[in-house]
Protein backbone atom coordinates (compact mmCIF):
# COMPACT_ATOMS: atom_id res chain seq x y z
CA MET A 1 -8.89 -41.63 1.82
CA GLN A 2 -9.39 -43.74 -1.20
CA THR A 3 -12.67 -45.04 -1.50
CA ILE A 4 -14.30 -48.01 -3.34
CA ILE A 5 -18.19 -47.61 -4.39
CA LEU A 6 -20.03 -51.01 -4.98
CA ALA A 7 -22.11 -50.27 -7.93
CA ALA A 8 -22.55 -53.45 -9.86
CA GLY A 9 -25.52 -55.41 -8.78
CA ARG A 10 -28.98 -55.39 -10.88
CA GLY A 11 -31.06 -54.87 -7.43
CA THR A 12 -33.39 -57.96 -8.20
CA ARG A 13 -35.49 -56.85 -5.12
CA MET A 14 -36.43 -53.84 -6.76
CA GLY A 15 -38.50 -56.01 -9.16
CA PRO A 16 -39.20 -54.30 -12.60
CA LEU A 17 -37.97 -51.12 -11.86
CA THR A 18 -34.51 -52.33 -12.74
CA GLU A 19 -35.51 -54.41 -15.85
CA SER A 20 -33.17 -52.36 -17.92
CA LEU A 21 -31.78 -49.71 -15.25
CA PRO A 22 -29.23 -50.58 -12.71
CA LYS A 23 -30.37 -49.88 -8.97
CA PRO A 24 -27.59 -47.11 -8.60
CA MET A 25 -29.34 -45.18 -11.27
CA LEU A 26 -32.66 -44.95 -9.90
CA PRO A 27 -33.94 -41.52 -9.28
CA VAL A 28 -33.57 -39.69 -5.76
CA ALA A 29 -34.63 -36.08 -5.63
CA GLY A 30 -33.54 -35.64 -9.24
CA ARG A 31 -30.35 -37.50 -9.21
CA PRO A 32 -29.20 -41.01 -9.52
CA LEU A 33 -29.03 -42.99 -6.02
CA VAL A 34 -25.20 -43.35 -6.85
CA GLY A 35 -24.72 -39.84 -7.27
CA HIS A 36 -25.58 -39.27 -3.64
CA THR A 37 -23.34 -41.78 -2.33
CA VAL A 38 -20.45 -40.31 -4.61
CA ASP A 39 -21.42 -36.97 -3.02
CA ALA A 40 -21.40 -38.18 0.49
CA ALA A 41 -17.91 -39.75 0.05
CA ALA A 42 -16.52 -36.59 -1.28
CA ALA A 43 -18.08 -34.51 1.65
CA ALA A 44 -16.69 -36.91 3.90
CA GLY A 45 -13.09 -36.93 2.86
CA ALA A 46 -12.48 -39.20 -0.04
CA THR A 47 -9.55 -38.22 -2.11
CA ARG A 48 -10.47 -40.34 -5.17
CA ILE A 49 -12.96 -42.98 -5.89
CA VAL A 50 -12.99 -46.51 -7.63
CA LEU A 51 -16.72 -47.26 -9.03
CA VAL A 52 -17.19 -50.95 -9.56
CA VAL A 53 -19.86 -51.21 -12.11
CA GLY A 54 -21.53 -54.23 -13.66
CA TYR A 55 -25.28 -54.50 -14.78
CA GLU A 56 -26.17 -51.87 -17.62
CA SER A 57 -22.95 -50.09 -16.53
CA GLU A 58 -23.34 -47.88 -19.56
CA ALA A 59 -26.06 -46.05 -17.72
CA ILE A 60 -23.64 -45.37 -14.66
CA GLU A 61 -20.76 -44.40 -17.03
CA ALA A 62 -22.75 -42.01 -19.16
CA TYR A 63 -23.97 -40.26 -15.83
CA LEU A 64 -20.31 -39.79 -14.44
CA ASP A 65 -19.52 -38.38 -18.08
CA ASP A 66 -22.37 -35.96 -17.86
CA ASP A 67 -22.19 -34.75 -14.15
CA PRO A 68 -18.36 -35.01 -13.04
CA ALA A 69 -17.90 -35.64 -9.42
CA ASP A 70 -15.65 -33.22 -6.93
CA VAL A 71 -13.10 -35.90 -6.68
CA PRO A 72 -11.39 -38.15 -9.25
CA VAL A 73 -13.56 -41.29 -10.13
CA SER A 74 -12.29 -44.36 -12.14
CA VAL A 75 -14.55 -47.24 -13.18
CA VAL A 76 -13.89 -50.91 -12.60
CA HIS A 77 -16.07 -53.72 -14.19
CA GLN A 78 -17.28 -56.70 -12.66
CA PRO A 79 -18.42 -58.75 -15.34
CA GLU A 80 -20.23 -61.46 -13.37
CA GLN A 81 -21.79 -60.28 -10.07
CA ARG A 82 -20.04 -62.83 -7.74
CA GLY A 83 -20.25 -61.06 -4.37
CA THR A 84 -19.07 -57.90 -2.71
CA GLY A 85 -15.57 -59.57 -2.18
CA ASP A 86 -15.28 -60.34 -5.61
CA ALA A 87 -16.12 -56.70 -6.54
CA VAL A 88 -13.52 -55.05 -4.05
CA ARG A 89 -10.94 -57.68 -5.18
CA ARG A 90 -11.38 -55.97 -8.80
CA ALA A 91 -10.93 -52.63 -7.58
CA VAL A 92 -7.87 -52.95 -5.04
CA PRO A 93 -5.14 -53.31 -8.00
CA HIS A 94 -6.19 -49.63 -8.64
CA LEU A 95 -5.52 -48.36 -4.98
CA ASP A 96 -2.48 -47.16 -3.41
CA PRO A 97 -0.92 -49.44 -0.81
CA ASP A 98 -2.78 -47.38 1.78
CA PRO A 99 -5.83 -47.59 3.93
CA PHE A 100 -9.41 -47.47 1.91
CA VAL A 101 -13.04 -47.06 2.59
CA VAL A 102 -15.76 -49.46 0.98
CA LEU A 103 -19.16 -47.95 0.61
CA ASN A 104 -22.27 -49.29 -0.95
CA GLY A 105 -23.52 -47.43 -4.07
CA ASP A 106 -27.15 -47.95 -3.33
CA ALA A 107 -27.14 -46.56 0.26
CA LEU A 108 -27.54 -43.32 1.74
CA TYR A 109 -25.53 -41.85 4.54
CA ASP A 110 -25.79 -38.52 6.38
CA HIS A 111 -22.60 -36.48 5.80
CA ALA A 112 -21.60 -36.20 9.42
CA SER A 113 -21.80 -39.46 10.45
CA LEU A 114 -19.76 -40.66 7.12
CA ARG A 115 -16.88 -38.04 8.15
CA ALA A 116 -16.69 -39.64 11.65
CA LEU A 117 -16.24 -43.22 9.70
CA TYR A 118 -13.62 -41.63 7.54
CA GLY A 119 -11.65 -40.08 10.64
CA ALA A 120 -11.72 -43.57 12.34
CA GLY A 121 -9.03 -46.36 11.97
CA PRO A 122 -10.36 -49.85 10.79
CA ALA A 123 -13.90 -49.32 11.51
CA VAL A 124 -17.34 -50.86 10.23
CA GLY A 125 -20.52 -48.12 10.03
CA SER A 126 -23.30 -49.46 12.30
CA TYR A 127 -26.85 -48.64 12.74
CA ARG A 128 -29.60 -49.64 15.09
CA VAL A 129 -32.97 -50.94 13.65
CA PRO A 130 -35.85 -52.61 14.92
CA ASN A 131 -35.68 -55.93 12.88
CA PRO A 132 -32.17 -57.01 13.11
CA GLY A 133 -32.73 -60.36 11.73
CA ALA A 134 -33.14 -59.20 7.99
CA TYR A 135 -29.41 -57.85 8.13
CA GLY A 136 -25.84 -58.71 9.06
CA VAL A 137 -25.60 -58.12 12.90
CA LEU A 138 -22.37 -57.25 14.58
CA ARG A 139 -20.82 -58.65 17.30
CA THR A 140 -19.26 -56.51 19.49
CA ASP A 141 -17.12 -56.05 22.79
CA GLY A 142 -17.67 -52.48 23.92
CA ASP A 143 -16.73 -50.67 20.98
CA ARG A 144 -14.62 -53.19 19.29
CA VAL A 145 -16.25 -55.46 16.36
CA THR A 146 -15.63 -59.16 16.79
CA GLY A 147 -17.57 -60.14 13.84
CA VAL A 148 -20.93 -60.24 12.05
CA THR A 149 -23.72 -62.80 11.86
CA GLU A 150 -25.71 -62.88 8.76
CA LYS A 151 -29.47 -62.78 9.26
CA PRO A 152 -29.53 -64.54 12.58
CA ALA A 153 -32.90 -66.21 13.81
CA ASP A 154 -31.84 -64.92 17.37
CA PRO A 155 -29.94 -61.47 16.74
CA PRO A 156 -27.41 -60.83 19.60
CA SER A 157 -28.33 -57.20 19.13
CA ASN A 158 -30.06 -54.45 16.91
CA LEU A 159 -26.78 -53.20 15.87
CA ILE A 160 -26.40 -53.98 12.15
CA ASN A 161 -23.86 -53.73 9.37
CA THR A 162 -24.44 -50.95 7.05
CA GLY A 163 -21.55 -51.94 4.62
CA ALA A 164 -19.51 -49.00 5.07
CA TYR A 165 -16.05 -49.97 6.11
CA VAL A 166 -12.45 -48.73 6.73
CA PHE A 167 -9.93 -51.35 6.19
CA PRO A 168 -6.25 -51.05 6.73
CA ALA A 169 -3.85 -51.29 3.77
CA ALA A 170 -2.91 -55.00 4.72
CA ALA A 171 -6.75 -56.10 3.80
CA ARG A 172 -5.88 -56.04 0.23
CA GLY A 173 -4.21 -59.39 0.92
CA TRP A 174 -7.34 -60.68 2.73
CA LEU A 175 -9.51 -60.83 -0.38
CA ASP A 176 -8.49 -64.40 -1.28
CA VAL A 177 -11.44 -66.45 0.11
CA GLY A 178 -13.86 -69.03 -1.06
CA GLU A 179 -17.37 -68.90 -2.08
CA SER A 180 -20.04 -68.73 0.65
CA GLU A 181 -23.16 -70.92 0.60
CA ARG A 182 -24.86 -68.79 -1.49
CA GLY A 183 -22.09 -69.16 -4.09
CA GLU A 184 -20.63 -65.46 -3.65
CA ILE A 185 -17.22 -64.01 -2.36
CA GLU A 186 -18.23 -62.16 0.84
CA LEU A 187 -16.54 -59.03 1.78
CA THR A 188 -17.68 -59.85 5.57
CA ASP A 189 -15.04 -62.54 5.28
CA ALA A 190 -12.27 -59.92 4.98
CA LEU A 191 -14.05 -58.18 7.72
CA GLN A 192 -13.73 -61.24 9.79
CA ARG A 193 -10.22 -61.57 9.08
CA ALA A 194 -9.61 -57.61 10.01
CA CYS A 195 -11.35 -58.38 13.34
CA GLU A 196 -8.82 -61.12 14.20
CA GLU A 197 -5.58 -59.22 12.86
CA THR A 198 -6.42 -55.55 14.26
CA THR A 199 -8.80 -53.71 16.32
CA VAL A 200 -11.70 -52.87 14.31
CA SER A 201 -14.01 -50.11 15.88
CA THR A 202 -17.72 -49.48 15.06
CA VAL A 203 -18.91 -45.94 14.28
CA ARG A 204 -22.70 -45.60 14.64
CA LEU A 205 -24.23 -43.75 11.97
CA GLU A 206 -26.85 -41.41 12.83
CA ARG A 207 -28.76 -41.80 9.69
CA TRP A 208 -28.64 -44.36 7.16
CA LEU A 209 -30.88 -46.14 4.21
CA ASP A 210 -30.30 -49.37 2.52
CA VAL A 211 -32.41 -48.75 -0.68
CA GLY A 212 -33.12 -52.07 -1.80
CA ARG A 213 -36.83 -52.34 -2.38
CA PRO A 214 -39.32 -49.95 -3.93
CA TRP A 215 -40.79 -48.65 -0.53
CA GLU A 216 -37.30 -47.76 0.30
CA LEU A 217 -36.87 -45.75 -2.88
CA LEU A 218 -39.72 -43.73 -1.58
CA ALA A 219 -38.35 -43.27 1.66
CA ALA A 220 -34.98 -42.12 0.01
CA ASN A 221 -36.78 -39.65 -1.92
CA GLU A 222 -38.38 -38.33 1.14
CA TRP A 223 -35.38 -37.96 2.85
CA LYS A 224 -33.32 -35.90 0.21
CA LEU A 225 -36.49 -34.01 -1.24
CA ALA A 226 -36.85 -32.55 2.29
CA ASP A 227 -33.24 -31.13 2.06
CA LEU A 228 -33.82 -29.32 -1.32
CA ASP A 229 -33.84 -25.73 -1.36
CA GLY A 230 -36.59 -24.23 -3.88
CA ARG A 231 -35.48 -23.12 -7.36
CA LEU A 232 -37.78 -22.22 -10.24
CA ASP A 233 -36.06 -22.57 -13.52
CA GLY A 234 -38.88 -23.75 -15.48
CA ASP A 235 -42.04 -21.84 -16.92
CA VAL A 236 -44.59 -21.40 -13.93
CA SER A 237 -47.83 -20.09 -14.64
CA ALA A 238 -48.80 -17.00 -12.46
CA ASP A 239 -52.03 -18.85 -11.78
CA ALA A 240 -50.16 -21.91 -10.27
CA HIS A 241 -49.75 -22.02 -6.58
CA LEU A 242 -46.52 -23.54 -5.28
CA ASP A 243 -45.66 -23.75 -1.31
CA GLY A 244 -42.67 -25.20 0.49
CA PRO A 245 -39.53 -26.13 -1.30
CA VAL A 246 -40.07 -26.86 -4.59
CA VAL A 247 -37.63 -27.37 -7.68
CA VAL A 248 -38.78 -26.84 -11.37
CA GLU A 249 -35.88 -27.74 -13.83
CA PRO A 250 -35.44 -25.88 -17.03
CA GLY A 251 -37.85 -26.75 -19.48
CA ALA A 252 -40.68 -27.82 -17.16
CA THR A 253 -43.96 -26.14 -17.19
CA ILE A 254 -46.36 -25.88 -14.28
CA ARG A 255 -49.55 -24.73 -15.93
CA PRO A 256 -52.40 -22.65 -14.74
CA GLY A 257 -54.33 -23.85 -11.45
CA ALA A 258 -51.78 -26.20 -10.47
CA VAL A 259 -50.96 -26.66 -6.82
CA VAL A 260 -47.49 -28.22 -5.79
CA ASP A 261 -46.80 -28.51 -2.03
CA GLY A 262 -43.27 -29.32 -1.60
CA PRO A 263 -41.08 -30.75 -1.09
CA ALA A 264 -41.24 -31.60 -4.63
CA TYR A 265 -38.88 -32.01 -7.52
CA VAL A 266 -40.01 -31.14 -11.24
CA GLY A 267 -37.63 -32.50 -13.93
CA ALA A 268 -36.69 -31.09 -16.94
CA ASP A 269 -39.34 -30.82 -19.56
CA ALA A 270 -41.97 -32.27 -17.45
CA THR A 271 -45.41 -30.82 -17.08
CA VAL A 272 -48.01 -30.29 -14.32
CA GLY A 273 -51.48 -29.44 -14.76
CA PRO A 274 -53.65 -27.59 -15.46
CA ASN A 275 -55.52 -27.80 -12.50
CA ALA A 276 -53.39 -30.79 -10.91
CA TYR A 277 -52.28 -31.34 -7.11
CA VAL A 278 -48.72 -32.53 -6.27
CA ARG A 279 -47.81 -32.97 -2.70
CA GLY A 280 -46.20 -34.93 -0.16
CA ALA A 281 -42.34 -35.79 -1.30
CA THR A 282 -43.11 -36.43 -4.90
CA MET A 283 -40.64 -36.44 -7.46
CA LEU A 284 -41.17 -36.23 -11.13
CA GLY A 285 -38.52 -37.21 -13.60
CA PRO A 286 -37.76 -35.54 -16.81
CA GLY A 287 -40.49 -35.53 -19.36
CA ALA A 288 -43.03 -36.56 -17.00
CA LYS A 289 -46.51 -35.56 -17.48
CA VAL A 290 -49.17 -34.97 -14.61
CA GLY A 291 -52.23 -33.67 -16.44
CA HIS A 292 -55.61 -32.27 -15.83
CA GLY A 293 -57.41 -33.17 -12.69
CA VAL A 294 -54.55 -35.49 -11.41
CA GLU A 295 -53.61 -35.88 -7.96
CA VAL A 296 -49.76 -37.24 -7.03
CA LYS A 297 -48.96 -37.66 -3.55
CA ASN A 298 -45.71 -38.84 -2.09
CA SER A 299 -44.58 -40.75 -5.07
CA VAL A 300 -41.77 -41.24 -7.67
CA VAL A 301 -42.90 -40.99 -11.36
CA MET A 302 -40.08 -41.50 -13.35
CA SER A 303 -38.70 -40.07 -16.74
CA ASP A 304 -41.34 -40.10 -19.47
CA ALA A 305 -44.26 -41.48 -17.25
CA SER A 306 -47.52 -39.99 -17.89
CA VAL A 307 -50.50 -39.65 -15.77
CA GLY A 308 -52.87 -37.76 -18.03
CA HIS A 309 -55.93 -36.63 -16.47
CA LEU A 310 -58.38 -37.40 -13.97
CA SER A 311 -56.52 -39.79 -11.84
CA TYR A 312 -55.14 -40.53 -8.19
CA VAL A 313 -51.54 -41.84 -7.40
CA GLY A 314 -50.67 -42.11 -3.97
CA ASP A 315 -47.40 -43.49 -2.37
CA SER A 316 -46.40 -45.48 -5.36
CA VAL A 317 -43.39 -45.72 -7.82
CA LEU A 318 -44.02 -45.45 -11.53
CA GLY A 319 -41.13 -46.59 -13.94
CA ARG A 320 -39.83 -44.82 -17.27
CA GLY A 321 -42.56 -44.55 -19.73
CA VAL A 322 -45.63 -45.72 -17.49
CA ASN A 323 -48.92 -44.49 -19.12
CA PHE A 324 -52.00 -44.18 -16.91
CA GLY A 325 -55.29 -44.09 -18.84
CA ALA A 326 -57.71 -41.44 -17.67
CA GLY A 327 -59.34 -42.23 -14.54
CA THR A 328 -56.93 -44.77 -13.17
CA ASN A 329 -56.89 -44.66 -9.23
CA VAL A 330 -54.51 -46.33 -6.97
CA ALA A 331 -55.45 -47.43 -3.69
CA ASN A 332 -52.62 -46.91 -0.82
CA LEU A 333 -54.45 -47.70 2.43
CA ARG A 334 -55.83 -51.33 3.41
CA HIS A 335 -59.26 -51.35 4.80
CA ASP A 336 -58.06 -52.96 8.02
CA ASP A 337 -55.34 -50.43 8.54
CA ASP A 338 -52.62 -53.06 8.44
CA THR A 339 -49.45 -52.57 6.72
CA VAL A 340 -49.22 -52.96 3.11
CA ARG A 341 -47.45 -55.97 1.57
CA VAL A 342 -45.63 -56.29 -1.63
CA THR A 343 -44.27 -59.16 -3.58
CA VAL A 344 -40.41 -59.08 -3.63
CA LYS A 345 -38.72 -61.98 -5.44
CA GLY A 346 -41.74 -64.09 -5.23
CA VAL A 347 -42.19 -63.38 -1.45
CA ARG A 348 -45.03 -61.51 -0.08
CA THR A 349 -43.20 -58.90 1.83
CA ASP A 350 -44.31 -56.36 4.73
CA THR A 351 -43.40 -52.94 3.78
CA GLY A 352 -43.87 -51.48 7.45
CA ARG A 353 -45.74 -48.63 5.63
CA ARG A 354 -49.42 -47.99 6.68
CA LYS A 355 -49.67 -46.32 3.37
CA PHE A 356 -48.10 -47.62 0.03
CA GLY A 357 -49.78 -47.78 -3.22
CA VAL A 358 -48.28 -49.59 -6.42
CA VAL A 359 -45.05 -50.49 -8.34
CA CYS A 360 -45.33 -50.08 -12.05
CA GLY A 361 -42.37 -51.38 -14.20
CA PRO A 362 -41.18 -49.44 -17.35
CA GLY A 363 -43.76 -48.82 -19.90
CA ALA A 364 -46.74 -50.42 -18.13
CA LYS A 365 -50.13 -49.13 -19.15
CA THR A 366 -53.70 -49.01 -17.88
CA GLY A 367 -56.77 -48.71 -19.55
CA ILE A 368 -59.18 -45.89 -18.55
CA ASN A 369 -60.97 -46.35 -15.21
CA THR A 370 -58.54 -48.96 -13.90
CA ALA A 371 -58.52 -49.24 -10.21
CA LEU A 372 -55.14 -50.68 -8.62
CA ASN A 373 -55.14 -52.40 -5.10
CA ALA A 374 -52.48 -51.27 -2.68
CA GLY A 375 -49.42 -53.47 -2.93
CA VAL A 376 -49.92 -54.28 -6.42
CA THR A 377 -46.90 -54.60 -8.84
CA LEU A 378 -47.46 -54.34 -12.54
CA SER A 379 -44.27 -55.83 -14.59
CA ALA A 380 -42.47 -53.97 -17.10
CA GLY A 381 -44.82 -53.79 -20.38
CA ALA A 382 -48.12 -54.94 -18.41
CA THR A 383 -51.51 -53.48 -19.39
CA THR A 384 -54.84 -53.41 -18.00
CA ALA A 385 -58.08 -53.50 -19.73
CA PRO A 386 -60.50 -50.62 -19.42
CA GLY A 387 -62.59 -50.59 -16.10
CA ALA A 388 -60.22 -53.17 -14.72
CA VAL A 389 -59.84 -53.90 -11.00
CA VAL A 390 -56.50 -54.95 -10.16
CA THR A 391 -55.95 -56.82 -7.04
CA ARG A 392 -53.14 -59.39 -7.81
CA ASP A 393 -49.38 -58.56 -9.51
CA ARG A 394 -49.58 -58.48 -13.30
């Protein structure tokens, strides 16, 4: 079935990580997030894909050129991000007059559930969450969807809209809608029209993840790293110890004394060690460096980032080109054992995670012996002085 994947947004809730990189290109187990969505669509039954791009679109187009999908993919531009309805409206002229699927390019779907969605008639992918008030909540009558209520104060259920849809061919003509209160053209308006014109069923997804905030990028890597099969294509010292599923890409080096407890991914030309410890669902991007006496636990260290020596990084996301000075240590646990909070678009937000470290934007640098408190965000290019104790965002 023909499929539209929405990948035009910047992803402002990811903070400095998307300063110059579109959210769909954030790394998950060695591949961009959107690559996992494209793969899931192809496995579910997509016959061709129309990918809607916008912010920093060149990065997505270059990726598609370098790593072609298993099904034909064409690209449509949304120059101004005016909402999901506008994005789909730009894509539908490139479709055949048949039913079509819409997926978000910044979400992960389990393949079996997505196949069930593709096999349904007009349908919405749904998922149960403990905090439905933060999402669009589906209104249902049995298995029939009657509408969606956005972020209700008193949710009628915990069944939310995942942004995965099967629309009938007639929906091509249901996208001429006005702007919402937030000034966007919403695809949910077309969904409401579908609920009025035909029977829309709900297909409950067994596993789904909206990757909108930094700690959800960690969760995405935890999911996909656990699915990896070990592969050692780089240079692994006979004096290193690797346990569990570990991928070492060509050009990567694991030096003597290093211990890597999988699941872990070590990207091309990255280095680990000597005498370093990598554990707990960690992804090291291409060219990343984990040096002598460094421990990295359950973290994403993006391309060309460096944690040179004698440092600890736990449950954190380090953007491209970040450099930690010697002795930089990240706190990832509050003394009161409460969940860690992070500032998202100016609002202090609960991550729901008892352990969470820091978010460092591209090019951030720390001086030697810097201490970073749990939940701190360093903006792109931010710096700290030697011996700094950082308890607030910079």
